[in-house]
Amino acid sequence: MKKPKDLPQKIAILKNVPFLKGVSNSVLKKICEKLSENKFRRGQYLYWEGDPSGRLYVIREGKVKITKCSSAGKEMVLEIVSAGEICGGSAIFSHAPLASARAVEHVSAYSLSKKDFVQLLRNHNNLAIHFIMYLGEKLMQTHEMMLNLATSKVEKRIAALLVGLCEKHGSVVPSGIRVNLRLTRQDIADIVGTTVETAIRVMSRFRKQGILITESKHIVITSKDKLNKLLVS
């Protein structure tokens, strides 16, 4: 039984989810009735690629790494999901998730079964439309990422990644914009599709150019303007 006093908090978190921002409170309350609460330790998987269980997760606290294994068995990082975002959406209209989700740190999340979510989409046309628009936007982002991997130089791909991290996970500090994720050079290499040696060289070059520094194992962008110039060069 869900406690009524938890309802305002749940609704506040759901309102941060992109496709739920325009949904009425009455629909959000119905979603809350179906939510389960989950906690995951650092390194624990929320779900595995190919897992048929099919749950949609709304991240309340913490960060989740979305990964996929190549045919050669190499893990590729596709995305970092943080509070107010979802993962597992690809399983709603497919037999199983197309990727895995692993907690980067302690994660608290709400989850909704595929059956319950599909029923909500059937009952509420406005919610269905918002979700379809969200999936369309994600598809466009995926196409853009694939195009960048195929046509852009590594330096530009890493610059685009850093700009995106600033916008999604950044906070302003005296020295610049701090990326609130602890990404290793291997993570960066996996995301942009290069070797860790190349990622190290490019990041070292950016440091020498006054684009970034490292503080307490976090990347701090000291000149976002220089990064943006790399994207259009």
C-alpha atoms as a PDB file:
ATOM      1  CA  MET A   1       0.000   0.000   0.000  1.00  0.00           C
ATOM      2  CA  LYS A   2       1.440   3.359  -1.036  1.00  0.00           C
ATOM      3  CA  LYS A   3       1.320   6.061   1.581  1.00  0.00           C
ATOM      4  CA  PRO A   4      -0.686   9.186   0.613  1.00  0.00           C
ATOM      5  CA  LYS A   5       2.037  11.444   2.014  1.00  0.00           C
ATOM      6  CA  ASP A   6       4.415  10.127  -0.679  1.00  0.00           C
ATOM      7  CA  LEU A   7       2.110  11.199  -3.496  1.00  0.00           C
ATOM      8  CA  PRO A   8       3.266  14.853  -3.869  1.00  0.00           C
ATOM      9  CA  GLN A   9       6.901  13.721  -4.033  1.00  0.00           C
ATOM     10  CA  LYS A  10       6.139  11.095  -6.668  1.00  0.00           C
ATOM     11  CA  ILE A  11       4.172  13.578  -8.774  1.00  0.00           C
ATOM     12  CA  ALA A  12       6.989  16.150  -8.520  1.00  0.00           C
ATOM     13  CA  ILE A  13       9.489  13.582  -9.810  1.00  0.00           C
ATOM     14  CA  LEU A  14       7.197  12.405 -12.615  1.00  0.00           C
ATOM     15  CA  LYS A  15       6.735  15.997 -13.796  1.00  0.00           C
ATOM     16  CA  ASN A  16      10.464  16.097 -14.593  1.00  0.00           C
ATOM     17  CA  VAL A  17      10.111  13.202 -17.040  1.00  0.00           C
ATOM     18  CA  PRO A  18      10.103  14.712 -20.580  1.00  0.00           C
ATOM     19  CA  PHE A  19       6.950  13.020 -21.892  1.00  0.00           C
ATOM     20  CA  LEU A  20       5.009  13.613 -18.642  1.00  0.00           C
ATOM     21  CA  LYS A  21       5.514  17.392 -18.397  1.00  0.00           C
ATOM     22  CA  GLY A  22       2.257  18.181 -20.168  1.00  0.00           C
ATOM     23  CA  VAL A  23       0.193  15.450 -18.529  1.00  0.00           C
ATOM     24  CA  SER A  24      -2.542  16.339 -16.028  1.00  0.00           C
ATOM     25  CA  ASN A  25      -2.212  15.664 -12.303  1.00  0.00           C
ATOM     26  CA  SER A  26      -5.126  13.225 -12.446  1.00  0.00           C
ATOM     27  CA  VAL A  27      -3.234  11.019 -14.921  1.00  0.00           C
ATOM     28  CA  LEU A  28      -0.028  11.361 -12.901  1.00  0.00           C
ATOM     29  CA  LYS A  29      -1.894  10.136  -9.820  1.00  0.00           C
ATOM     30  CA  LYS A  30      -3.043   7.057 -11.738  1.00  0.00           C
ATOM     31  CA  ILE A  31       0.558   6.387 -12.769  1.00  0.00           C
ATOM     32  CA  CYS A  32       1.668   6.744  -9.135  1.00  0.00           C
ATOM     33  CA  GLU A  33      -0.801   4.046  -8.119  1.00  0.00           C
ATOM     34  CA  LYS A  34       1.048   1.573 -10.326  1.00  0.00           C
ATOM     35  CA  LEU A  35       4.622   2.495  -9.345  1.00  0.00           C
ATOM     36  CA  SER A  36       6.962   0.185  -7.474  1.00  0.00           C
ATOM     37  CA  GLU A  37       9.950   1.533  -5.536  1.00  0.00           C
ATOM     38  CA  ASN A  38      13.381   0.071  -6.265  1.00  0.00           C
ATOM     39  CA  LYS A  39      16.894   0.578  -4.927  1.00  0.00           C
ATOM     40  CA  PHE A  40      20.119  -0.539  -6.595  1.00  0.00           C
ATOM     41  CA  ARG A  41      23.683  -0.668  -5.339  1.00  0.00           C
ATOM     42  CA  ARG A  42      26.559   0.720  -7.373  1.00  0.00           C
ATOM     43  CA  GLY A  43      27.355  -1.772 -10.130  1.00  0.00           C
ATOM     44  CA  GLN A  44      23.993  -3.551  -9.850  1.00  0.00           C
ATOM     45  CA  TYR A  45      21.943  -3.998 -13.019  1.00  0.00           C
ATOM     46  CA  LEU A  46      18.412  -2.609 -13.278  1.00  0.00           C
ATOM     47  CA  TYR A  47      17.864  -4.893 -16.260  1.00  0.00           C
ATOM     48  CA  TRP A  48      19.844  -6.840 -18.828  1.00  0.00           C
ATOM     49  CA  GLU A  49      19.828  -6.608 -22.597  1.00  0.00           C
ATOM     50  CA  GLY A  50      17.329  -9.208 -23.810  1.00  0.00           C
ATOM     51  CA  ASP A  51      15.608  -9.512 -20.412  1.00  0.00           C
ATOM     52  CA  PRO A  52      11.907 -10.184 -21.163  1.00  0.00           C
ATOM     53  CA  SER A  53      10.597  -8.733 -17.858  1.00  0.00           C
ATOM     54  CA  GLY A  54       9.963  -5.300 -19.442  1.00  0.00           C
ATOM     55  CA  ARG A  55       9.780  -2.511 -16.859  1.00  0.00           C
ATOM     56  CA  LEU A  56       9.986   1.236 -17.343  1.00  0.00           C
ATOM     57  CA  TYR A  57      12.204   2.958 -14.749  1.00  0.00           C
ATOM     58  CA  VAL A  58      11.992   6.578 -13.595  1.00  0.00           C
ATOM     59  CA  ILE A  59      15.243   7.537 -11.878  1.00  0.00           C
ATOM     60  CA  ARG A  60      14.648   9.319  -8.590  1.00  0.00           C
ATOM     61  CA  GLU A  61      18.250   9.559  -7.363  1.00  0.00           C
ATOM     62  CA  GLY A  62      21.592   8.492  -8.772  1.00  0.00           C
ATOM     63  CA  LYS A  63      22.873   7.779 -12.259  1.00  0.00           C
ATOM     64  CA  VAL A  64      22.522   4.802 -14.584  1.00  0.00           C
ATOM     65  CA  LYS A  65      24.779   3.752 -17.449  1.00  0.00           C
ATOM     66  CA  ILE A  66      23.010   2.343 -20.527  1.00  0.00           C
ATOM     67  CA  THR A  67      25.256  -0.156 -22.309  1.00  0.00           C
ATOM     68  CA  LYS A  68      25.134  -2.603 -25.200  1.00  0.00           C
ATOM     69  CA  CYS A  69      27.411  -5.492 -26.077  1.00  0.00           C
ATOM     70  CA  SER A  70      28.849  -5.688 -29.578  1.00  0.00           C
ATOM     71  CA  SER A  71      29.040  -8.940 -31.534  1.00  0.00           C
ATOM     72  CA  ALA A  72      32.661  -9.189 -30.339  1.00  0.00           C
ATOM     73  CA  GLY A  73      31.529  -8.978 -26.714  1.00  0.00           C
ATOM     74  CA  LYS A  74      32.752  -5.425 -26.117  1.00  0.00           C
ATOM     75  CA  GLU A  75      30.582  -3.215 -23.918  1.00  0.00           C
ATOM     76  CA  MET A  76      29.579   0.107 -25.484  1.00  0.00           C
ATOM     77  CA  VAL A  77      28.220   2.990 -23.403  1.00  0.00           C
ATOM     78  CA  LEU A  78      25.177   4.503 -25.117  1.00  0.00           C
ATOM     79  CA  GLU A  79      23.914   6.981 -22.551  1.00  0.00           C
ATOM     80  CA  ILE A  80      24.074   8.161 -18.946  1.00  0.00           C
ATOM     81  CA  VAL A  81      20.638   8.543 -17.338  1.00  0.00           C
ATOM     82  CA  SER A  82      20.143  10.664 -14.216  1.00  0.00           C
ATOM     83  CA  ALA A  83      17.350  11.854 -11.893  1.00  0.00           C
ATOM     84  CA  GLY A  84      14.126  12.797 -13.680  1.00  0.00           C
ATOM     85  CA  GLU A  85      14.916  10.622 -16.709  1.00  0.00           C
ATOM     86  CA  ILE A  86      13.755   7.171 -17.721  1.00  0.00           C
ATOM     87  CA  CYS A  87      15.292   3.962 -18.960  1.00  0.00           C
ATOM     88  CA  GLY A  88      13.759   0.759 -20.222  1.00  0.00           C
ATOM     89  CA  GLY A  89      11.437   2.552 -22.645  1.00  0.00           C
ATOM     90  CA  SER A  90      12.681   0.491 -25.597  1.00  0.00           C
ATOM     91  CA  ALA A  91      11.142  -2.622 -24.022  1.00  0.00           C
ATOM     92  CA  ILE A  92       7.612  -1.202 -24.088  1.00  0.00           C
ATOM     93  CA  PHE A  93       7.105  -1.863 -27.806  1.00  0.00           C
ATOM     94  CA  SER A  94       9.583  -4.705 -28.231  1.00  0.00           C
ATOM     95  CA  HIS A  95       9.992  -8.167 -26.789  1.00  0.00           C
ATOM     96  CA  ALA A  96      12.957  -7.188 -24.603  1.00  0.00           C
ATOM     97  CA  PRO A  97      15.300  -4.258 -23.841  1.00  0.00           C
ATOM     98  CA  LEU A  98      17.817  -3.514 -26.586  1.00  0.00           C
ATOM     99  CA  ALA A  99      20.477  -2.558 -24.015  1.00  0.00           C
ATOM    100  CA  SER A 100      21.414  -3.086 -20.365  1.00  0.00           C
ATOM    101  CA  ALA A 101      21.205  -0.587 -17.505  1.00  0.00           C
ATOM    102  CA  ARG A 102      23.736  -0.549 -14.647  1.00  0.00           C
ATOM    103  CA  ALA A 103      23.844   1.727 -11.602  1.00  0.00           C
ATOM    104  CA  VAL A 104      26.882   4.033 -11.682  1.00  0.00           C
ATOM    105  CA  GLU A 105      26.230   4.905  -8.036  1.00  0.00           C
ATOM    106  CA  HIS A 106      23.474   4.203  -5.503  1.00  0.00           C
ATOM    107  CA  VAL A 107      20.204   4.487  -7.417  1.00  0.00           C
ATOM    108  CA  SER A 108      16.655   4.961  -6.205  1.00  0.00           C
ATOM    109  CA  ALA A 109      13.997   4.514  -8.867  1.00  0.00           C
ATOM    110  CA  TYR A 110      10.300   4.052  -9.479  1.00  0.00           C
ATOM    111  CA  SER A 111       9.310   1.351 -11.937  1.00  0.00           C
ATOM    112  CA  LEU A 112       6.214   0.496 -13.906  1.00  0.00           C
ATOM    113  CA  SER A 113       5.454  -2.830 -15.563  1.00  0.00           C
ATOM    114  CA  LYS A 114       5.075  -2.982 -19.328  1.00  0.00           C
ATOM    115  CA  LYS A 115       1.513  -4.250 -18.895  1.00  0.00           C
ATOM    116  CA  ASP A 116       0.491  -1.323 -16.664  1.00  0.00           C
ATOM    117  CA  PHE A 117       2.163   1.295 -18.848  1.00  0.00           C
ATOM    118  CA  VAL A 118       0.591  -0.006 -22.063  1.00  0.00           C
ATOM    119  CA  GLN A 119      -2.811   0.039 -20.351  1.00  0.00           C
ATOM    120  CA  LEU A 120      -2.248   3.682 -19.321  1.00  0.00           C
ATOM    121  CA  LEU A 121      -1.339   4.573 -22.920  1.00  0.00           C
ATOM    122  CA  ARG A 122      -4.554   2.914 -24.139  1.00  0.00           C
ATOM    123  CA  ASN A 123      -6.677   4.778 -21.607  1.00  0.00           C
ATOM    124  CA  HIS A 124      -5.108   8.227 -22.007  1.00  0.00           C
ATOM    125  CA  ASN A 125      -4.590   9.487 -25.550  1.00  0.00           C
ATOM    126  CA  ASN A 126      -2.686  12.583 -24.427  1.00  0.00           C
ATOM    127  CA  LEU A 127      -0.152  10.454 -22.576  1.00  0.00           C
ATOM    128  CA  ALA A 128       0.245   8.189 -25.625  1.00  0.00           C
ATOM    129  CA  ILE A 129       0.890  11.173 -27.908  1.00  0.00           C
ATOM    130  CA  HIS A 130       3.511  12.617 -25.545  1.00  0.00           C
ATOM    131  CA  PHE A 131       5.254   9.253 -25.301  1.00  0.00           C
ATOM    132  CA  ILE A 132       5.302   8.798 -29.088  1.00  0.00           C
ATOM    133  CA  MET A 133       6.820  12.277 -29.489  1.00  0.00           C
ATOM    134  CA  TYR A 134       9.432  11.402 -26.864  1.00  0.00           C
ATOM    135  CA  LEU A 135      10.353   8.179 -28.677  1.00  0.00           C
ATOM    136  CA  GLY A 136      10.593  10.124 -31.945  1.00  0.00           C
ATOM    137  CA  GLU A 137      13.023  12.580 -30.376  1.00  0.00           C
ATOM    138  CA  LYS A 138      15.121   9.735 -28.975  1.00  0.00           C
ATOM    139  CA  LEU A 139      15.200   8.143 -32.430  1.00  0.00           C
ATOM    140  CA  MET A 140      16.434  11.393 -33.967  1.00  0.00           C
ATOM    141  CA  GLN A 141      19.167  11.622 -31.318  1.00  0.00           C
ATOM    142  CA  THR A 142      20.219   8.058 -32.109  1.00  0.00           C
ATOM    143  CA  HIS A 143      20.404   8.823 -35.834  1.00  0.00           C
ATOM    144  CA  GLU A 144      22.478  11.927 -35.119  1.00  0.00           C
ATOM    145  CA  MET A 145      24.836   9.918 -32.914  1.00  0.00           C
ATOM    146  CA  MET A 146      25.256   7.262 -35.624  1.00  0.00           C
ATOM    147  CA  LEU A 147      25.955   9.956 -38.223  1.00  0.00           C
ATOM    148  CA  ASN A 148      28.581  11.545 -35.982  1.00  0.00           C
ATOM    149  CA  LEU A 149      30.254   8.186 -35.409  1.00  0.00           C
ATOM    150  CA  ALA A 150      30.381   7.561 -39.152  1.00  0.00           C
ATOM    151  CA  THR A 151      31.474  10.994 -40.379  1.00  0.00           C
ATOM    152  CA  SER A 152      33.038  13.100 -37.618  1.00  0.00           C
ATOM    153  CA  LYS A 153      36.620  13.084 -36.426  1.00  0.00           C
ATOM    154  CA  VAL A 154      37.285  11.796 -32.908  1.00  0.00           C
ATOM    155  CA  GLU A 155      38.128  15.283 -31.630  1.00  0.00           C
ATOM    156  CA  LYS A 156      34.743  16.590 -32.747  1.00  0.00           C
ATOM    157  CA  ARG A 157      32.918  13.566 -31.326  1.00  0.00           C
ATOM    158  CA  ILE A 158      34.504  14.052 -27.912  1.00  0.00           C
ATOM    159  CA  ALA A 159      33.761  17.789 -28.068  1.00  0.00           C
ATOM    160  CA  ALA A 160      30.098  17.019 -28.831  1.00  0.00           C
ATOM    161  CA  LEU A 161      29.988  14.561 -25.932  1.00  0.00           C
ATOM    162  CA  LEU A 162      31.429  17.119 -23.511  1.00  0.00           C
ATOM    163  CA  VAL A 163      28.983  19.808 -24.638  1.00  0.00           C
ATOM    164  CA  GLY A 164      26.111  17.375 -24.137  1.00  0.00           C
ATOM    165  CA  LEU A 165      27.383  16.405 -20.684  1.00  0.00           C
ATOM    166  CA  CYS A 166      27.588  20.085 -19.719  1.00  0.00           C
ATOM    167  CA  GLU A 167      23.978  20.630 -20.718  1.00  0.00           C
ATOM    168  CA  LYS A 168      22.636  17.444 -19.147  1.00  0.00           C
ATOM    169  CA  HIS A 169      24.844  16.909 -16.096  1.00  0.00           C
ATOM    170  CA  GLY A 170      26.669  20.224 -15.642  1.00  0.00           C
ATOM    171  CA  SER A 171      26.655  22.727 -12.818  1.00  0.00           C
ATOM    172  CA  VAL A 172      28.359  26.113 -12.701  1.00  0.00           C
ATOM    173  CA  VAL A 173      31.435  26.346 -10.460  1.00  0.00           C
ATOM    174  CA  PRO A 174      34.048  29.143 -10.135  1.00  0.00           C
ATOM    175  CA  SER A 175      36.384  27.417 -12.610  1.00  0.00           C
ATOM    176  CA  GLY A 176      33.735  26.696 -15.261  1.00  0.00           C
ATOM    177  CA  ILE A 177      31.077  24.013 -15.786  1.00  0.00           C
ATOM    178  CA  ARG A 178      31.514  20.883 -13.706  1.00  0.00           C
ATOM    179  CA  VAL A 179      30.293  17.598 -15.197  1.00  0.00           C
ATOM    180  CA  ASN A 180      28.610  15.799 -12.303  1.00  0.00           C
ATOM    181  CA  LEU A 181      29.604  12.354 -13.515  1.00  0.00           C
ATOM    182  CA  ARG A 182      32.799  10.447 -12.885  1.00  0.00           C
ATOM    183  CA  LEU A 183      33.580   9.222 -16.381  1.00  0.00           C
ATOM    184  CA  THR A 184      36.788   7.325 -17.049  1.00  0.00           C
ATOM    185  CA  ARG A 185      38.747   7.769 -20.267  1.00  0.00           C
ATOM    186  CA  GLN A 186      37.521   4.277 -21.158  1.00  0.00           C
ATOM    187  CA  ASP A 187      33.896   5.441 -20.750  1.00  0.00           C
ATOM    188  CA  ILE A 188      34.547   8.397 -23.047  1.00  0.00           C
ATOM    189  CA  ALA A 189      36.240   6.147 -25.600  1.00  0.00           C
ATOM    190  CA  ASP A 190      33.328   3.690 -25.539  1.00  0.00           C
ATOM    191  CA  ILE A 191      30.701   6.410 -25.966  1.00  0.00           C
ATOM    192  CA  VAL A 192      32.374   8.064 -28.981  1.00  0.00           C
ATOM    193  CA  GLY A 193      33.605   4.835 -30.544  1.00  0.00           C
ATOM    194  CA  THR A 194      37.380   5.130 -30.310  1.00  0.00           C
ATOM    195  CA  THR A 195      40.301   3.621 -28.417  1.00  0.00           C
ATOM    196  CA  VAL A 196      41.135   4.655 -24.872  1.00  0.00           C
ATOM    197  CA  GLU A 197      44.599   5.763 -26.058  1.00  0.00           C
ATOM    198  CA  THR A 198      43.031   8.172 -28.552  1.00  0.00           C
ATOM    199  CA  ALA A 199      40.586   9.488 -25.942  1.00  0.00           C
ATOM    200  CA  ILE A 200      43.503  10.164 -23.573  1.00  0.00           C
ATOM    201  CA  ARG A 201      45.397  12.065 -26.285  1.00  0.00           C
ATOM    202  CA  VAL A 202      42.406  14.207 -27.224  1.00  0.00           C
ATOM    203  CA  MET A 203      41.536  15.013 -23.604  1.00  0.00           C
ATOM    204  CA  SER A 204      45.186  15.912 -22.947  1.00  0.00           C
ATOM    205  CA  ARG A 205      45.111  18.212 -25.980  1.00  0.00           C
ATOM    206  CA  PHE A 206      41.920  19.872 -24.713  1.00  0.00           C
ATOM    207  CA  ARG A 207      43.597  20.423 -21.351  1.00  0.00           C
ATOM    208  CA  LYS A 208      46.610  22.095 -22.992  1.00  0.00           C
ATOM    209  CA  GLN A 209      44.266  24.285 -25.054  1.00  0.00           C
ATOM    210  CA  GLY A 210      42.582  25.546 -21.879  1.00  0.00           C
ATOM    211  CA  ILE A 211      39.286  23.822 -22.639  1.00  0.00           C
ATOM    212  CA  LEU A 212      39.060  21.662 -19.533  1.00  0.00           C
ATOM    213  CA  ILE A 213      40.653  20.712 -16.254  1.00  0.00           C
ATOM    214  CA  THR A 214      40.087  17.873 -13.772  1.00  0.00           C
ATOM    215  CA  GLU A 215      38.944  18.585 -10.209  1.00  0.00           C
ATOM    216  CA  SER A 216      38.270  15.819  -7.667  1.00  0.00           C
ATOM    217  CA  LYS A 217      38.023  13.246 -10.491  1.00  0.00           C
ATOM    218  CA  HIS A 218      35.396  15.354 -12.294  1.00  0.00           C
ATOM    219  CA  ILE A 219      35.812  17.073 -15.646  1.00  0.00           C
ATOM    220  CA  VAL A 220      35.392  20.846 -15.508  1.00  0.00           C
ATOM    221  CA  ILE A 221      34.876  22.658 -18.808  1.00  0.00           C
ATOM    222  CA  THR A 222      36.727  25.952 -18.533  1.00  0.00           C
ATOM    223  CA  SER A 223      35.864  27.178 -22.042  1.00  0.00           C
ATOM    224  CA  LYS A 224      32.616  25.937 -23.542  1.00  0.00           C
ATOM    225  CA  ASP A 225      33.044  28.498 -26.349  1.00  0.00           C
ATOM    226  CA  LYS A 226      36.188  26.708 -27.540  1.00  0.00           C
ATOM    227  CA  LEU A 227      34.313  23.401 -27.504  1.00  0.00           C
ATOM    228  CA  ASN A 228      31.477  24.846 -29.557  1.00  0.00           C
ATOM    229  CA  LYS A 229      33.974  26.207 -32.085  1.00  0.00           C
ATOM    230  CA  LEU A 230      35.348  22.696 -32.547  1.00  0.00           C
ATOM    231  CA  LEU A 231      31.856  21.495 -33.439  1.00  0.00           C
ATOM    232  CA  VAL A 232      31.535  23.911 -36.350  1.00  0.00           C
ATOM    233  CA  SER A 233      35.125  23.747 -37.570  1.00  0.00           C
END
